Amino acid sequence: MKNLWKIPLYLLLVVLGFFVVTFTVYFFNLDMKATAMLAPWFEKWYNHLERKQYI
């Protein structure tokens, strides 16, 4: 009987933890800050790709 209550409790904790993490990312705009930090690396990698078709 005790094990039956552990499953919903753990599920609730996982959902609550996921909500806290996603809300923190949203509140501090961390996704766009990470994108801005990685943009030079992405541009350098993309500019070195070999192109088969020119515009």
N, C-alpha and C. Protein backbone atom coordinates (compact mmCIF):
# COMPACT_ATOMS: atom_id res chain seq x y z
N MET A 1 0.82 -1.19 0.00
CA MET A 1 0.00 0.00 0.00
C MET A 1 0.86 1.26 0.00
N LYS A 2 2.00 1.20 0.70
CA LYS A 2 2.88 2.36 0.74
C LYS A 2 3.49 2.65 -0.64
N ASN A 3 3.74 1.60 -1.40
CA ASN A 3 4.34 1.79 -2.72
C ASN A 3 3.39 2.47 -3.69
N LEU A 4 2.09 2.30 -3.47
CA LEU A 4 1.11 2.95 -4.36
C LEU A 4 1.17 4.46 -4.25
N TRP A 5 1.50 4.98 -3.09
CA TRP A 5 1.57 6.43 -2.92
C TRP A 5 2.89 7.00 -3.39
N LYS A 6 3.91 6.18 -3.50
CA LYS A 6 5.22 6.67 -3.92
C LYS A 6 5.23 7.04 -5.41
N ILE A 7 4.53 6.28 -6.24
CA ILE A 7 4.54 6.53 -7.68
C ILE A 7 3.95 7.90 -8.01
N PRO A 8 2.75 8.26 -7.53
CA PRO A 8 2.24 9.61 -7.83
C PRO A 8 3.09 10.71 -7.20
N LEU A 9 3.67 10.44 -6.04
CA LEU A 9 4.51 11.43 -5.39
C LEU A 9 5.76 11.70 -6.23
N TYR A 10 6.41 10.65 -6.69
CA TYR A 10 7.59 10.83 -7.54
C TYR A 10 7.22 11.51 -8.86
N LEU A 11 6.10 11.14 -9.42
CA LEU A 11 5.64 11.77 -10.65
C LEU A 11 5.38 13.25 -10.44
N LEU A 12 4.77 13.59 -9.34
CA LEU A 12 4.51 14.99 -9.02
C LEU A 12 5.81 15.75 -8.83
N LEU A 13 6.78 15.15 -8.17
CA LEU A 13 8.07 15.81 -7.98
C LEU A 13 8.80 16.02 -9.30
N VAL A 14 8.73 15.07 -10.19
CA VAL A 14 9.36 15.21 -11.50
C VAL A 14 8.69 16.33 -12.30
N VAL A 15 7.38 16.36 -12.30
CA VAL A 15 6.65 17.41 -13.03
C VAL A 15 6.94 18.77 -12.42
N LEU A 16 6.96 18.87 -11.11
CA LEU A 16 7.26 20.13 -10.44
C LEU A 16 8.69 20.58 -10.74
N GLY A 17 9.63 19.66 -10.72
CA GLY A 17 11.02 19.99 -11.05
C GLY A 17 11.15 20.46 -12.49
N PHE A 18 10.46 19.80 -13.40
CA PHE A 18 10.48 20.21 -14.81
C PHE A 18 9.91 21.61 -14.97
N PHE A 19 8.82 21.90 -14.26
CA PHE A 19 8.21 23.22 -14.31
C PHE A 19 9.16 24.28 -13.79
N VAL A 20 9.83 24.01 -12.69
CA VAL A 20 10.76 24.99 -12.10
C VAL A 20 11.90 25.28 -13.06
N VAL A 21 12.45 24.25 -13.68
CA VAL A 21 13.56 24.45 -14.62
C VAL A 21 13.10 25.25 -15.84
N THR A 22 11.97 24.87 -16.43
CA THR A 22 11.52 25.58 -17.62
C THR A 22 11.09 27.01 -17.30
N PHE A 23 10.50 27.24 -16.12
CA PHE A 23 10.13 28.60 -15.75
C PHE A 23 11.37 29.46 -15.53
N THR A 24 12.41 28.90 -14.94
CA THR A 24 13.66 29.64 -14.74
C THR A 24 14.28 30.01 -16.09
N VAL A 25 14.29 29.09 -17.02
CA VAL A 25 14.82 29.38 -18.36
C VAL A 25 14.00 30.48 -19.02
N TYR A 26 12.69 30.42 -18.90
CA TYR A 26 11.82 31.44 -19.49
C TYR A 26 12.00 32.80 -18.80
N PHE A 27 12.04 32.82 -17.50
CA PHE A 27 12.08 34.07 -16.74
C PHE A 27 13.37 34.84 -17.00
N PHE A 28 14.49 34.15 -17.05
CA PHE A 28 15.77 34.81 -17.26
C PHE A 28 16.20 34.82 -18.72
N ASN A 29 15.35 34.36 -19.63
CA ASN A 29 15.62 34.36 -21.06
C ASN A 29 16.92 33.62 -21.39
N LEU A 30 17.14 32.50 -20.72
CA LEU A 30 18.40 31.79 -20.85
C LEU A 30 18.57 31.12 -22.20
N ASP A 31 17.49 30.79 -22.87
CA ASP A 31 17.61 30.15 -24.17
C ASP A 31 18.21 31.11 -25.20
N MET A 32 17.78 32.36 -25.19
CA MET A 32 18.32 33.33 -26.14
C MET A 32 19.74 33.76 -25.76
N LYS A 33 20.05 33.78 -24.48
CA LYS A 33 21.41 34.10 -24.05
C LYS A 33 22.37 33.00 -24.48
N ALA A 34 21.95 31.75 -24.39
CA ALA A 34 22.78 30.64 -24.85
C ALA A 34 22.95 30.69 -26.36
N THR A 35 21.88 31.03 -27.07
CA THR A 35 21.96 31.14 -28.52
C THR A 35 22.92 32.24 -28.93
N ALA A 36 22.85 33.38 -28.26
CA ALA A 36 23.76 34.49 -28.57
C ALA A 36 25.20 34.12 -28.27
N MET A 37 25.42 33.33 -27.23
CA MET A 37 26.77 32.93 -26.88
C MET A 37 27.32 31.93 -27.90
N LEU A 38 26.46 31.07 -28.43
CA LEU A 38 26.91 30.05 -29.38
C LEU A 38 26.87 30.50 -30.84
N ALA A 39 26.27 31.65 -31.12
CA ALA A 39 26.11 32.11 -32.49
C ALA A 39 27.43 32.22 -33.25
N PRO A 40 28.49 32.80 -32.69
CA PRO A 40 29.76 32.85 -33.45
C PRO A 40 30.29 31.48 -33.83
N TRP A 41 30.13 30.50 -32.95
CA TRP A 41 30.61 29.16 -33.27
C TRP A 41 29.77 28.55 -34.39
N PHE A 42 28.44 28.76 -34.32
CA PHE A 42 27.56 28.24 -35.37
C PHE A 42 27.87 28.90 -36.71
N GLU A 43 28.10 30.20 -36.72
CA GLU A 43 28.40 30.92 -37.96
C GLU A 43 29.72 30.44 -38.56
N LYS A 44 30.71 30.25 -37.72
CA LYS A 44 32.01 29.77 -38.20
C LYS A 44 31.86 28.38 -38.81
N TRP A 45 31.10 27.51 -38.15
CA TRP A 45 30.90 26.16 -38.67
C TRP A 45 30.10 26.19 -39.97
N TYR A 46 29.06 27.00 -40.02
CA TYR A 46 28.20 27.04 -41.19
C TYR A 46 28.92 27.65 -42.39
N ASN A 47 29.75 28.64 -42.17
CA ASN A 47 30.46 29.30 -43.27
C ASN A 47 31.54 28.40 -43.87
N HIS A 48 31.97 27.38 -43.17
CA HIS A 48 32.99 26.47 -43.71
C HIS A 48 32.39 25.28 -44.45
N LEU A 49 31.08 25.18 -44.51
CA LEU A 49 30.46 24.08 -45.23
C LEU A 49 30.65 24.29 -46.73
N GLU A 50 30.88 23.16 -47.40
CA GLU A 50 31.05 23.22 -48.84
C GLU A 50 29.68 23.31 -49.50
N ARG A 51 29.55 24.26 -50.43
CA ARG A 51 28.26 24.48 -51.10
C ARG A 51 28.34 23.89 -52.52
N LYS A 52 27.25 23.29 -52.95
CA LYS A 52 27.18 22.75 -54.30
C LYS A 52 26.43 23.68 -55.23
N GLN A 53 25.66 24.58 -54.67
CA GLN A 53 24.85 25.48 -55.48
C GLN A 53 25.07 26.91 -54.99
N TYR A 54 25.32 27.81 -55.95
CA TYR A 54 25.54 29.21 -55.62
C TYR A 54 24.37 30.04 -56.06
N ILE A 55 24.04 31.03 -55.27
CA ILE A 55 22.93 31.90 -55.60
C ILE A 55 23.44 33.10 -56.34
